[in-house]
PDB file of N, CA and C in Angstrom:
ATOM      1  N   UNK A   1       0.836  -1.179   0.000  1.00  0.00           N
ATOM      2  CA  UNK A   1       0.000   0.000   0.000  1.00  0.00           C
ATOM      3  C   UNK A   1       0.880   1.242   0.000  1.00  0.00           C
ATOM      4  N   UNK A   2       0.624   2.147  -0.887  1.00  0.00           N
ATOM      5  CA  UNK A   2       1.320   3.427  -0.923  1.00  0.00           C
ATOM      6  C   UNK A   2       0.316   4.489  -0.518  1.00  0.00           C
ATOM      7  N   UNK A   3       0.587   5.147   0.609  1.00  0.00           N
ATOM      8  CA  UNK A   3      -0.372   6.110   1.138  1.00  0.00           C
ATOM      9  C   UNK A   3      -0.026   7.551   0.789  1.00  0.00           C
ATOM     10  N   UNK A   4       1.205   7.811   0.482  1.00  0.00           N
ATOM     11  CA  UNK A   4       1.655   9.167   0.198  1.00  0.00           C
ATOM     12  C   UNK A   4       2.544   9.162  -1.041  1.00  0.00           C
ATOM     13  N   UNK A   5       2.738  10.331  -1.655  1.00  0.00           N
ATOM     14  CA  UNK A   5       3.497  10.390  -2.911  1.00  0.00           C
ATOM     15  C   UNK A   5       4.988  10.127  -2.707  1.00  0.00           C
ATOM     16  N   UNK A   6       5.670   9.763  -3.784  1.00  0.00           N
ATOM     17  CA  UNK A   6       7.123   9.601  -3.716  1.00  0.00           C
ATOM     18  C   UNK A   6       7.796  10.969  -3.648  1.00  0.00           C
ATOM     19  N   UNK A   7       9.083  10.976  -3.336  1.00  0.00           N
ATOM     20  CA  UNK A   7       9.863  12.202  -3.430  1.00  0.00           C
ATOM     21  C   UNK A   7      10.627  12.131  -4.753  1.00  0.00           C
ATOM     22  N   UNK A   8      10.659  13.257  -5.455  1.00  0.00           N
ATOM     23  CA  UNK A   8      11.306  13.312  -6.765  1.00  0.00           C
ATOM     24  C   UNK A   8      12.428  14.343  -6.719  1.00  0.00           C
ATOM     25  N   UNK A   9      13.631  13.900  -7.044  1.00  0.00           N
ATOM     26  CA  UNK A   9      14.779  14.794  -7.153  1.00  0.00           C
ATOM     27  C   UNK A   9      15.017  15.010  -8.644  1.00  0.00           C
ATOM     28  N   UNK A  10      14.528  16.126  -9.161  1.00  0.00           N
ATOM     29  CA  UNK A  10      14.608  16.397 -10.597  1.00  0.00           C
ATOM     30  C   UNK A  10      16.037  16.649 -11.064  1.00  0.00           C
ATOM     31  N   UNK A  11      16.889  17.162 -10.196  1.00  0.00           N
ATOM     32  CA  UNK A  11      18.279  17.420 -10.565  1.00  0.00           C
ATOM     33  C   UNK A  11      19.048  16.118 -10.762  1.00  0.00           C
ATOM     34  N   UNK A  12      18.891  15.192  -9.829  1.00  0.00           N
ATOM     35  CA  UNK A  12      19.599  13.912  -9.890  1.00  0.00           C
ATOM     36  C   UNK A  12      18.832  12.857 -10.685  1.00  0.00           C
ATOM     37  N   UNK A  13      17.587  13.167 -11.046  1.00  0.00           N
ATOM     38  CA  UNK A  13      16.701  12.241 -11.766  1.00  0.00           C
ATOM     39  C   UNK A  13      16.517  10.934 -10.993  1.00  0.00           C
ATOM     40  N   UNK A  14      16.170  11.104  -9.693  1.00  0.00           N
ATOM     41  CA  UNK A  14      15.916   9.970  -8.803  1.00  0.00           C
ATOM     42  C   UNK A  14      14.535  10.143  -8.190  1.00  0.00           C
ATOM     43  N   UNK A  15      13.783   9.072  -8.115  1.00  0.00           N
ATOM     44  CA  UNK A  15      12.493   9.071  -7.434  1.00  0.00           C
ATOM     45  C   UNK A  15      12.539   7.992  -6.354  1.00  0.00           C
ATOM     46  N   UNK A  16      12.034   8.325  -5.152  1.00  0.00           N
ATOM     47  CA  UNK A  16      12.010   7.381  -4.033  1.00  0.00           C
ATOM     48  C   UNK A  16      10.561   7.158  -3.633  1.00  0.00           C
ATOM     49  N   UNK A  17      10.158   5.902  -3.615  1.00  0.00           N
ATOM     50  CA  UNK A  17       8.811   5.530  -3.213  1.00  0.00           C
ATOM     51  C   UNK A  17       8.865   4.486  -2.114  1.00  0.00           C
ATOM     52  N   UNK A  18       7.689   4.120  -1.613  1.00  0.00           N
ATOM     53  CA  UNK A  18       7.654   3.174  -0.504  1.00  0.00           C
ATOM     54  C   UNK A  18       6.356   2.393  -0.491  1.00  0.00           C
ATOM     55  N   UNK A  19       6.413   1.246   0.151  1.00  0.00           N
ATOM     56  CA  UNK A  19       5.257   0.391   0.400  1.00  0.00           C
ATOM     57  C   UNK A  19       5.155   0.271   1.913  1.00  0.00           C
ATOM     58  N   UNK A  20       4.287   1.072   2.524  1.00  0.00           N
ATOM     59  CA  UNK A  20       4.222   1.125   3.983  1.00  0.00           C
ATOM     60  C   UNK A  20       3.678  -0.157   4.593  1.00  0.00           C
ATOM     61  N   UNK A  21       2.840  -0.888   3.885  1.00  0.00           N
ATOM     62  CA  UNK A  21       2.279  -2.128   4.421  1.00  0.00           C
ATOM     63  C   UNK A  21       3.330  -3.229   4.519  1.00  0.00           C
ATOM     64  N   UNK A  22       4.264  -3.253   3.584  1.00  0.00           N
ATOM     65  CA  UNK A  22       5.288  -4.299   3.561  1.00  0.00           C
ATOM     66  C   UNK A  22       6.651  -3.827   4.050  1.00  0.00           C
ATOM     67  N   UNK A  23       6.765  -2.557   4.435  1.00  0.00           N
ATOM     68  CA  UNK A  23       8.003  -2.036   4.999  1.00  0.00           C
ATOM     69  C   UNK A  23       9.161  -2.003   4.027  1.00  0.00           C
ATOM     70  N   UNK A  24       8.926  -1.457   2.830  1.00  0.00           N
ATOM     71  CA  UNK A  24       9.971  -1.389   1.811  1.00  0.00           C
ATOM     72  C   UNK A  24      10.051   0.025   1.245  1.00  0.00           C
ATOM     73  N   UNK A  25      11.268   0.521   1.072  1.00  0.00           N
ATOM     74  CA  UNK A  25      11.525   1.774   0.352  1.00  0.00           C
ATOM     75  C   UNK A  25      12.454   1.448  -0.800  1.00  0.00           C
ATOM     76  N   UNK A  26      12.301   2.171  -1.912  1.00  0.00           N
ATOM     77  CA  UNK A  26      13.179   1.950  -3.057  1.00  0.00           C
ATOM     78  C   UNK A  26      13.372   3.249  -3.822  1.00  0.00           C
ATOM     79  N   UNK A  27      14.559   3.388  -4.398  1.00  0.00           N
ATOM     80  CA  UNK A  27      14.876   4.541  -5.242  1.00  0.00           C
ATOM     81  C   UNK A  27      15.118   4.046  -6.657  1.00  0.00           C
ATOM     82  N   UNK A  28      14.680   4.865  -7.604  1.00  0.00           N
ATOM     83  CA  UNK A  28      14.824   4.529  -9.013  1.00  0.00           C
ATOM     84  C   UNK A  28      15.413   5.715  -9.763  1.00  0.00           C
ATOM     85  N   UNK A  29      16.323   5.441 -10.684  1.00  0.00           N
ATOM     86  CA  UNK A  29      16.746   6.441 -11.652  1.00  0.00           C
ATOM     87  C   UNK A  29      15.667   6.477 -12.724  1.00  0.00           C
ATOM     88  N   UNK A  30      15.396   7.661 -13.261  1.00  0.00           N
ATOM     89  CA  UNK A  30      14.418   7.751 -14.344  1.00  0.00           C
ATOM     90  C   UNK A  30      14.977   8.622 -15.462  1.00  0.00           C
ATOM     91  N   UNK A  31      14.462   8.397 -16.660  1.00  0.00           N
ATOM     92  CA  UNK A  31      14.896   9.209 -17.793  1.00  0.00           C
ATOM     93  C   UNK A  31      13.714   9.992 -18.354  1.00  0.00           C
ATOM     94  N   UNK A  32      13.975  10.774 -19.402  1.00  0.00           N
ATOM     95  CA  UNK A  32      12.945  11.651 -19.966  1.00  0.00           C
ATOM     96  C   UNK A  32      11.786  10.879 -20.590  1.00  0.00           C
ATOM     97  N   UNK A  33      11.969   9.580 -20.859  1.00  0.00           N
ATOM     98  CA  UNK A  33      10.894   8.757 -21.418  1.00  0.00           C
ATOM     99  C   UNK A  33      10.068   8.060 -20.336  1.00  0.00           C
ATOM    100  N   UNK A  34      10.488   8.232 -19.073  1.00  0.00           N
ATOM    101  CA  UNK A  34       9.773   7.591 -17.974  1.00  0.00           C
ATOM    102  C   UNK A  34      10.278   6.200 -17.643  1.00  0.00           C
ATOM    103  N   UNK A  35      11.367   5.781 -18.279  1.00  0.00           N
ATOM    104  CA  UNK A  35      11.970   4.486 -17.954  1.00  0.00           C
ATOM    105  C   UNK A  35      12.644   4.575 -16.593  1.00  0.00           C
ATOM    106  N   UNK A  36      12.571   3.498 -15.822  1.00  0.00           N
ATOM    107  CA  UNK A  36      13.173   3.485 -14.489  1.00  0.00           C
ATOM    108  C   UNK A  36      14.124   2.304 -14.331  1.00  0.00           C
ATOM    109  N   UNK A  37      15.121   2.511 -13.472  1.00  0.00           N
ATOM    110  CA  UNK A  37      16.074   1.471 -13.104  1.00  0.00           C
ATOM    111  C   UNK A  37      16.244   1.530 -11.593  1.00  0.00           C
ATOM    112  N   UNK A  38      16.166   0.382 -10.933  1.00  0.00           N
ATOM    113  CA  UNK A  38      16.334   0.341  -9.483  1.00  0.00           C
ATOM    114  C   UNK A  38      17.725   0.826  -9.103  1.00  0.00           C
ATOM    115  N   UNK A  39      17.777   1.788  -8.187  1.00  0.00           N
ATOM    116  CA  UNK A  39      19.051   2.329  -7.695  1.00  0.00           C
ATOM    117  C   UNK A  39      19.408   1.679  -6.362  1.00  0.00           C
ATOM    118  N   UNK A  40      18.464   1.664  -5.410  1.00  0.00           N
ATOM    119  CA  UNK A  40      18.656   0.999  -4.126  1.00  0.00           C
ATOM    120  C   UNK A  40      17.307   0.616  -3.538  1.00  0.00           C
ATOM    121  N   UNK A  41      17.342  -0.304  -2.580  1.00  0.00           N
ATOM    122  CA  UNK A  41      16.141  -0.784  -1.895  1.00  0.00           C
ATOM    123  C   UNK A  41      16.523  -1.068  -0.452  1.00  0.00           C
ATOM    124  N   UNK A  42      15.605  -0.782   0.474  1.00  0.00           N
ATOM    125  CA  UNK A  42      15.868  -1.064   1.883  1.00  0.00           C
ATOM    126  C   UNK A  42      14.574  -1.400   2.606  1.00  0.00           C
ATOM    127  N   UNK A  43      14.702  -2.210   3.646  1.00  0.00           N
ATOM    128  CA  UNK A  43      13.569  -2.521   4.505  1.00  0.00           C
ATOM    129  C   UNK A  43      13.404  -1.365   5.481  1.00  0.00           C
ATOM    130  N   UNK A  44      12.227  -0.742   5.454  1.00  0.00           N
ATOM    131  CA  UNK A  44      11.976   0.403   6.323  1.00  0.00           C
ATOM    132  C   UNK A  44      10.479   0.667   6.349  1.00  0.00           C
ATOM    133  N   UNK A  45       9.909   0.766   7.547  1.00  0.00           N
ATOM    134  CA  UNK A  45       8.474   1.010   7.711  1.00  0.00           C
ATOM    135  C   UNK A  45       8.177   2.508   7.713  1.00  0.00           C
ATOM    136  N   UNK A  46       8.193   3.082   6.539  1.00  0.00           N
ATOM    137  CA  UNK A  46       7.924   4.499   6.319  1.00  0.00           C
ATOM    138  C   UNK A  46       6.472   4.659   5.877  1.00  0.00           C
ATOM    139  N   UNK A  47       5.795   5.738   6.313  1.00  0.00           N
ATOM    140  CA  UNK A  47       4.402   5.938   5.884  1.00  0.00           C
ATOM    141  C   UNK A  47       4.050   7.384   5.550  1.00  0.00           C
ATOM    142  N   UNK A  48       4.842   8.355   5.989  1.00  0.00           N
ATOM    143  CA  UNK A  48       4.476   9.765   5.783  1.00  0.00           C
ATOM    144  C   UNK A  48       5.149  10.340   4.535  1.00  0.00           C
ATOM    145  N   UNK A  49       4.874  11.599   4.261  1.00  0.00           N
ATOM    146  CA  UNK A  49       5.576  12.294   3.179  1.00  0.00           C
ATOM    147  C   UNK A  49       7.062  12.361   3.515  1.00  0.00           C
ATOM    148  N   UNK A  50       7.889  12.549   2.499  1.00  0.00           N
ATOM    149  CA  UNK A  50       9.328  12.713   2.696  1.00  0.00           C
ATOM    150  C   UNK A  50       9.706  14.164   2.402  1.00  0.00           C
ATOM    151  N   UNK A  51      10.815  14.596   2.975  1.00  0.00           N
ATOM    152  CA  UNK A  51      11.366  15.918   2.689  1.00  0.00           C
ATOM    153  C   UNK A  51      12.703  15.708   1.989  1.00  0.00           C
ATOM    154  N   UNK A  52      12.921  16.435   0.902  1.00  0.00           N
ATOM    155  CA  UNK A  52      14.203  16.412   0.192  1.00  0.00           C
ATOM    156  C   UNK A  52      14.944  17.709   0.473  1.00  0.00           C
ATOM    157  N   UNK A  53      16.188  17.603   0.920  1.00  0.00           N
ATOM    158  CA  UNK A  53      17.090  18.745   0.995  1.00  0.00           C
ATOM    159  C   UNK A  53      17.916  18.692  -0.287  1.00  0.00           C
ATOM    160  N   UNK A  54      17.536  19.460  -1.329  1.00  0.00           N
ATOM    161  CA  UNK A  54      18.164  19.308  -2.645  1.00  0.00           C
ATOM    162  C   UNK A  54      19.653  19.640  -2.677  1.00  0.00           C
ATOM    163  N   UNK A  55      20.105  20.546  -1.815  1.00  0.00           N
ATOM    164  CA  UNK A  55      21.519  20.920  -1.845  1.00  0.00           C
ATOM    165  C   UNK A  55      22.427  19.802  -1.353  1.00  0.00           C
ATOM    166  N   UNK A  56      21.963  18.996  -0.401  1.00  0.00           N
ATOM    167  CA  UNK A  56      22.790  17.922   0.158  1.00  0.00           C
ATOM    168  C   UNK A  56      22.392  16.539  -0.354  1.00  0.00           C
ATOM    169  N   UNK A  57      21.224  16.426  -0.969  1.00  0.00           N
ATOM    170  CA  UNK A  57      20.749  15.121  -1.417  1.00  0.00           C
ATOM    171  C   UNK A  57      20.269  14.243  -0.280  1.00  0.00           C
ATOM    172  N   UNK A  58      19.925  14.854   0.838  1.00  0.00           N
ATOM    173  CA  UNK A  58      19.406  14.097   1.980  1.00  0.00           C
ATOM    174  C   UNK A  58      17.884  14.087   1.930  1.00  0.00           C
ATOM    175  N   UNK A  59      17.299  12.955   2.322  1.00  0.00           N
ATOM    176  CA  UNK A  59      15.849  12.882   2.442  1.00  0.00           C
ATOM    177  C   UNK A  59      15.493  12.509   3.876  1.00  0.00           C
ATOM    178  N   UNK A  60      14.444  13.152   4.358  1.00  0.00           N
ATOM    179  CA  UNK A  60      13.920  12.863   5.684  1.00  0.00           C
ATOM    180  C   UNK A  60      12.845  11.804   5.517  1.00  0.00           C
ATOM    181  N   UNK A  61      13.025  10.682   6.208  1.00  0.00           N
ATOM    182  CA  UNK A  61      12.085   9.573   6.147  1.00  0.00           C
ATOM    183  C   UNK A  61      11.744   9.154   7.572  1.00  0.00           C
ATOM    184  N   UNK A  62      10.905   8.159   7.697  1.00  0.00           N
ATOM    185  CA  UNK A  62      10.535   7.637   9.012  1.00  0.00           C
ATOM    186  C   UNK A  62      10.652   6.118   8.995  1.00  0.00           C
ATOM    187  N   UNK A  63      10.732   5.539  10.174  1.00  0.00           N
ATOM    188  CA  UNK A  63      10.760   4.082  10.314  1.00  0.00           C
ATOM    189  C   UNK A  63      10.095   3.747  11.637  1.00  0.00           C
ATOM    190  N   UNK A  64       9.073   2.906  11.587  1.00  0.00           N
ATOM    191  CA  UNK A  64       8.396   2.518  12.822  1.00  0.00           C
ATOM    192  C   UNK A  64       9.052   1.264  13.376  1.00  0.00           C
ATOM    193  N   UNK A  65       9.533   1.351  14.613  1.00  0.00           N
ATOM    194  CA  UNK A  65      10.180   0.234  15.300  1.00  0.00           C
ATOM    195  C   UNK A  65       9.098  -0.574  16.013  1.00  0.00           C
ATOM    196  N   UNK A  66       8.747  -1.729  15.451  1.00  0.00           N
ATOM    197  CA  UNK A  66       7.661  -2.541  16.006  1.00  0.00           C
ATOM    198  C   UNK A  66       8.014  -3.167  17.350  1.00  0.00           C
ATOM    199  N   UNK A  67       9.286  -3.446  17.599  1.00  0.00           N
ATOM    200  CA  UNK A  67       9.689  -4.025  18.881  1.00  0.00           C
ATOM    201  C   UNK A  67       9.554  -3.019  20.011  1.00  0.00           C
ATOM    202  N   UNK A  68       9.966  -1.790  19.773  1.00  0.00           N
ATOM    203  CA  UNK A  68       9.930  -0.753  20.803  1.00  0.00           C
ATOM    204  C   UNK A  68       8.675   0.099  20.737  1.00  0.00           C
ATOM    205  N   UNK A  69       7.868  -0.086  19.676  1.00  0.00           N
ATOM    206  CA  UNK A  69       6.633   0.677  19.482  1.00  0.00           C
ATOM    207  C   UNK A  69       6.897   2.184  19.498  1.00  0.00           C
ATOM    208  N   UNK A  70       7.827   2.605  18.662  1.00  0.00           N
ATOM    209  CA  UNK A  70       8.129   4.030  18.532  1.00  0.00           C
ATOM    210  C   UNK A  70       8.522   4.332  17.089  1.00  0.00           C
ATOM    211  N   UNK A  71       8.198   5.546  16.673  1.00  0.00           N
ATOM    212  CA  UNK A  71       8.598   5.966  15.337  1.00  0.00           C
ATOM    213  C   UNK A  71       9.938   6.679  15.420  1.00  0.00           C
ATOM    214  N   UNK A  72      10.742   6.491  14.389  1.00  0.00           N
ATOM    215  CA  UNK A  72      12.037   7.144  14.311  1.00  0.00           C
ATOM    216  C   UNK A  72      12.113   7.971  13.038  1.00  0.00           C
ATOM    217  N   UNK A  73      12.810   9.086  13.116  1.00  0.00           N
ATOM    218  CA  UNK A  73      13.126   9.864  11.925  1.00  0.00           C
ATOM    219  C   UNK A  73      14.468   9.370  11.414  1.00  0.00           C
ATOM    220  N   UNK A  74      14.550   9.160  10.102  1.00  0.00           N
ATOM    221  CA  UNK A  74      15.754   8.600   9.498  1.00  0.00           C
ATOM    222  C   UNK A  74      16.172   9.498   8.335  1.00  0.00           C
ATOM    223  N   UNK A  75      17.419   9.930   8.347  1.00  0.00           N
ATOM    224  CA  UNK A  75      17.957  10.744   7.262  1.00  0.00           C
ATOM    225  C   UNK A  75      18.765   9.825   6.351  1.00  0.00           C
ATOM    226  N   UNK A  76      18.395   9.829   5.058  1.00  0.00           N
ATOM    227  CA  UNK A  76      19.051   8.974   4.072  1.00  0.00           C
ATOM    228  C   UNK A  76      19.712   9.812   2.985  1.00  0.00           C
ATOM    229  N   UNK A  77      20.768   9.271   2.402  1.00  0.00           N
ATOM    230  CA  UNK A  77      21.366   9.847   1.207  1.00  0.00           C
ATOM    231  C   UNK A  77      20.545   9.360   0.020  1.00  0.00           C
ATOM    232  N   UNK A  78      20.000  10.277  -0.774  1.00  0.00           N
ATOM    233  CA  UNK A  78      19.106   9.883  -1.861  1.00  0.00           C
ATOM    234  C   UNK A  78      19.820   9.074  -2.943  1.00  0.00           C
ATOM    235  N   UNK A  79      21.121   9.299  -3.130  1.00  0.00           N
ATOM    236  CA  UNK A  79      21.841   8.591  -4.188  1.00  0.00           C
ATOM    237  C   UNK A  79      22.190   7.152  -3.816  1.00  0.00           C
ATOM    238  N   UNK A  80      22.523   6.913  -2.549  1.00  0.00           N
ATOM    239  CA  UNK A  80      22.986   5.579  -2.143  1.00  0.00           C
ATOM    240  C   UNK A  80      22.009   4.832  -1.239  1.00  0.00           C
ATOM    241  N   UNK A  81      21.087   5.548  -0.605  1.00  0.00           N
ATOM    242  CA  UNK A  81      20.216   4.928   0.386  1.00  0.00           C
ATOM    243  C   UNK A  81      20.902   4.761   1.731  1.00  0.00           C
ATOM    244  N   UNK A  82      22.139   5.260   1.836  1.00  0.00           N
ATOM    245  CA  UNK A  82      22.895   5.144   3.081  1.00  0.00           C
ATOM    246  C   UNK A  82      22.199   5.919   4.196  1.00  0.00           C
ATOM    247  N   UNK A  83      22.109   5.284   5.359  1.00  0.00           N
ATOM    248  CA  UNK A  83      21.522   5.933   6.527  1.00  0.00           C
ATOM    249  C   UNK A  83      22.558   6.853   7.151  1.00  0.00           C
ATOM    250  N   UNK A  84      22.220   8.140   7.255  1.00  0.00           N
ATOM    251  CA  UNK A  84      23.147   9.128   7.801  1.00  0.00           C
ATOM    252  C   UNK A  84      22.862   9.425   9.264  1.00  0.00           C
ATOM    253  N   UNK A  85      21.584   9.300   9.668  1.00  0.00           N
ATOM    254  CA  UNK A  85      21.217   9.555  11.062  1.00  0.00           C
ATOM    255  C   UNK A  85      19.861   8.918  11.346  1.00  0.00           C
ATOM    256  N   UNK A  86      19.636   8.605  12.633  1.00  0.00           N
ATOM    257  CA  UNK A  86      18.369   8.019  13.078  1.00  0.00           C
ATOM    258  C   UNK A  86      18.129   8.490  14.514  1.00  0.00           C
ATOM    259  N   UNK A  87      16.895   8.912  14.794  1.00  0.00           N
ATOM    260  CA  UNK A  87      16.557   9.363  16.140  1.00  0.00           C
ATOM    261  C   UNK A  87      15.085   9.081  16.410  1.00  0.00           C
ATOM    262  N   UNK A  88      14.773   8.720  17.647  1.00  0.00           N
ATOM    263  CA  UNK A  88      13.378   8.519  18.034  1.00  0.00           C
ATOM    264  C   UNK A  88      12.633   9.842  17.936  1.00  0.00           C
ATOM    265  N   UNK A  89      11.433   9.806  17.382  1.00  0.00           N
ATOM    266  CA  UNK A  89      10.623  11.021  17.279  1.00  0.00           C
ATOM    267  C   UNK A  89       9.802  11.258  18.540  1.00  0.00           C
ATOM    268  N   UNK A  90       9.665  10.235  19.368  1.00  0.00           N
ATOM    269  CA  UNK A  90       8.850  10.360  20.567  1.00  0.00           C
ATOM    270  C   UNK A  90       7.423   9.895  20.369  1.00  0.00           C
ATOM    271  N   UNK A  91       7.070   9.489  19.157  1.00  0.00           N
ATOM    272  CA  UNK A  91       5.700   9.075  18.869  1.00  0.00           C
ATOM    273  C   UNK A  91       5.529   7.566  19.033  1.00  0.00           C
ATOM    274  N   UNK A  92       4.494   7.138  19.769  1.00  0.00           N
ATOM    275  CA  UNK A  92       4.226   5.710  19.908  1.00  0.00           C
ATOM    276  C   UNK A  92       3.411   5.133  18.749  1.00  0.00           C
ATOM    277  N   UNK A  93       3.033   5.969  17.789  1.00  0.00           N
ATOM    278  CA  UNK A  93       2.274   5.499  16.624  1.00  0.00           C
ATOM    279  C   UNK A  93       2.983   5.942  15.346  1.00  0.00           C
ATOM    280  N   UNK A  94       2.754   5.185  14.285  1.00  0.00           N
ATOM    281  CA  UNK A  94       3.342   5.511  12.991  1.00  0.00           C
ATOM    282  C   UNK A  94       2.600   6.689  12.378  1.00  0.00           C
ATOM    283  N   UNK A  95       3.335   7.674  11.922  1.00  0.00           N
ATOM    284  CA  UNK A  95       2.733   8.866  11.329  1.00  0.00           C
ATOM    285  C   UNK A  95       2.480   8.662   9.842  1.00  0.00           C
ATOM    286  N   UNK A  96       1.314   9.086   9.404  1.00  0.00           N
ATOM    287  CA  UNK A  96       0.998   9.064   7.976  1.00  0.00           C
ATOM    288  C   UNK A  96       0.849  10.482   7.430  1.00  0.00           C
ATOM    289  N   UNK A  97       1.114  11.472   8.271  1.00  0.00           N
ATOM    290  CA  UNK A  97       1.034  12.865   7.839  1.00  0.00           C
ATOM    291  C   UNK A  97       2.430  13.355   7.468  1.00  0.00           C
ATOM    292  N   UNK A  98       2.545  14.620   7.103  1.00  0.00           N
ATOM    293  CA  UNK A  98       3.819  15.079   6.561  1.00  0.00           C
ATOM    294  C   UNK A  98       4.645  15.860   7.572  1.00  0.00           C
ATOM    295  N   UNK A  99       5.986  15.643   7.526  1.00  0.00           N
ATOM    296  CA  UNK A  99       6.886  16.478   8.311  1.00  0.00           C
ATOM    297  C   UNK A  99       7.034  17.828   7.618  1.00  0.00           C
ATOM    298  N   UNK A 100       7.619  18.772   8.306  1.00  0.00           N
ATOM    299  CA  UNK A 100       7.803  20.114   7.749  1.00  0.00           C
ATOM    300  C   UNK A 100       9.250  20.546   7.899  1.00  0.00           C
ATOM    301  N   UNK A 101       9.830  21.144   6.849  1.00  0.00           N
ATOM    302  CA  UNK A 101      11.195  21.646   6.983  1.00  0.00           C
ATOM    303  C   UNK A 101      11.234  22.807   7.962  1.00  0.00           C
ATOM    304  N   UNK A 102      12.363  22.922   8.640  1.00  0.00           N
ATOM    305  CA  UNK A 102      12.550  24.032   9.560  1.00  0.00           C
ATOM    306  C   UNK A 102      13.218  25.198   8.848  1.00  0.00           C
ATOM    307  N   UNK A 103      14.107  25.887   9.561  1.00  0.00           N
ATOM    308  CA  UNK A 103      14.736  27.082   9.021  1.00  0.00           C
ATOM    309  C   UNK A 103      16.211  26.877   8.685  1.00  0.00           C
ATOM    310  N   UNK A 104      16.705  25.678   8.859  1.00  0.00           N
ATOM    311  CA  UNK A 104      18.102  25.360   8.562  1.00  0.00           C
ATOM    312  C   UNK A 104      18.223  23.863   8.419  1.00  0.00           C
ATOM    313  N   UNK A 105      19.074  23.283   9.222  1.00  0.00           N
ATOM    314  CA  UNK A 105      19.260  21.830   9.221  1.00  0.00           C
ATOM    315  C   UNK A 105      18.351  21.230  10.287  1.00  0.00           C
ATOM    316  N   UNK A 106      17.049  21.476  10.138  1.00  0.00           N
ATOM    317  CA  UNK A 106      16.081  20.964  11.098  1.00  0.00           C
ATOM    318  C   UNK A 106      14.750  20.708  10.404  1.00  0.00           C
ATOM    319  N   UNK A 107      13.874  19.975  11.087  1.00  0.00           N
ATOM    320  CA  UNK A 107      12.540  19.705  10.572  1.00  0.00           C
ATOM    321  C   UNK A 107      11.628  19.363  11.739  1.00  0.00           C
ATOM    322  N   UNK A 108      10.345  19.395  11.479  1.00  0.00           N
ATOM    323  CA  UNK A 108       9.327  19.081  12.476  1.00  0.00           C
ATOM    324  C   UNK A 108       8.556  17.855  12.017  1.00  0.00           C
ATOM    325  N   UNK A 109       8.273  16.951  12.952  1.00  0.00           N
ATOM    326  CA  UNK A 109       7.433  15.800  12.645  1.00  0.00           C
ATOM    327  C   UNK A 109       6.175  15.888  13.493  1.00  0.00           C
ATOM    328  N   UNK A 110       5.101  15.332  12.973  1.00  0.00           N
ATOM    329  CA  UNK A 110       3.871  15.282  13.758  1.00  0.00           C
ATOM    330  C   UNK A 110       3.194  13.945  13.509  1.00  0.00           C
ATOM    331  N   UNK A 111       2.588  13.418  14.561  1.00  0.00           N
ATOM    332  CA  UNK A 111       1.800  12.197  14.449  1.00  0.00           C
ATOM    333  C   UNK A 111       0.480  12.479  15.155  1.00  0.00           C
ATOM    334  N   UNK A 112      -0.273  11.453  15.415  1.00  0.00           N
ATOM    335  CA  UNK A 112      -1.551  11.652  16.103  1.00  0.00           C
ATOM    336  C   UNK A 112      -1.364  11.995  17.575  1.00  0.00           C
ATOM    337  N   UNK A 113      -0.150  11.801  18.103  1.00  0.00           N
ATOM    338  CA  UNK A 113       0.100  12.052  19.524  1.00  0.00           C
ATOM    339  C   UNK A 113       1.229  13.025  19.805  1.00  0.00           C
ATOM    340  N   UNK A 114       2.097  13.283  18.830  1.00  0.00           N
ATOM    341  CA  UNK A 114       3.373  13.926  19.140  1.00  0.00           C
ATOM    342  C   UNK A 114       3.784  14.929  18.068  1.00  0.00           C
ATOM    343  N   UNK A 115       4.361  16.048  18.513  1.00  0.00           N
ATOM    344  CA  UNK A 115       5.032  16.992  17.624  1.00  0.00           C
ATOM    345  C   UNK A 115       6.479  17.082  18.096  1.00  0.00           C
ATOM    346  N   UNK A 116       7.427  16.908  17.172  1.00  0.00           N
ATOM    347  CA  UNK A 116       8.848  16.927  17.524  1.00  0.00           C
ATOM    348  C   UNK A 116       9.609  17.841  16.580  1.00  0.00           C
ATOM    349  N   UNK A 117      10.595  18.540  17.121  1.00  0.00           N
ATOM    350  CA  UNK A 117      11.539  19.295  16.294  1.00  0.00           C
ATOM    351  C   UNK A 117      12.856  18.545  16.340  1.00  0.00           C
ATOM    352  N   UNK A 118      13.410  18.273  15.173  1.00  0.00           N
ATOM    353  CA  UNK A 118      14.652  17.516  15.086  1.00  0.00           C
ATOM    354  C   UNK A 118      15.653  18.336  14.288  1.00  0.00           C
ATOM    355  N   UNK A 119      16.850  18.512  14.849  1.00  0.00           N
ATOM    356  CA  UNK A 119      17.905  19.218  14.124  1.00  0.00           C
ATOM    357  C   UNK A 119      19.078  18.266  13.940  1.00  0.00           C
ATOM    358  N   UNK A 120      19.845  18.497  12.875  1.00  0.00           N
ATOM    359  CA  UNK A 120      20.975  17.627  12.576  1.00  0.00           C
ATOM    360  C   UNK A 120      22.065  18.443  11.911  1.00  0.00           C
ATOM    361  N   UNK A 121      23.272  17.872  11.896  1.00  0.00           N
ATOM    362  CA  UNK A 121      24.389  18.567  11.257  1.00  0.00           C
ATOM    363  C   UNK A 121      25.148  17.631  10.354  1.00  0.00           C
TER     364      UNK A 121
END
């Protein structure tokens, strides 16, 4: 099930989508004809909108930890899928709404129970 739109990096010609029901995220290279090639894939329980920081190629994603029953914010490199940072958001439920960019290297997340401000460097 895909509940929210993919993130599209028009400069790098990469699109990242997810299947929140099966806990999968994947990035694809695309061309002007709409052809796609798998770039990377990872197991991750993401459900909300993503934020792209176009200057750094970082995307803000989420991952719900079923063992600990908490959502985490995860910063990924859009080109490699490499995890750059991970932090608990404080939410005991998986968010399906959208995070918001802050004023620098920060962003806000919201779920049905929690609002968090997260900054990173």
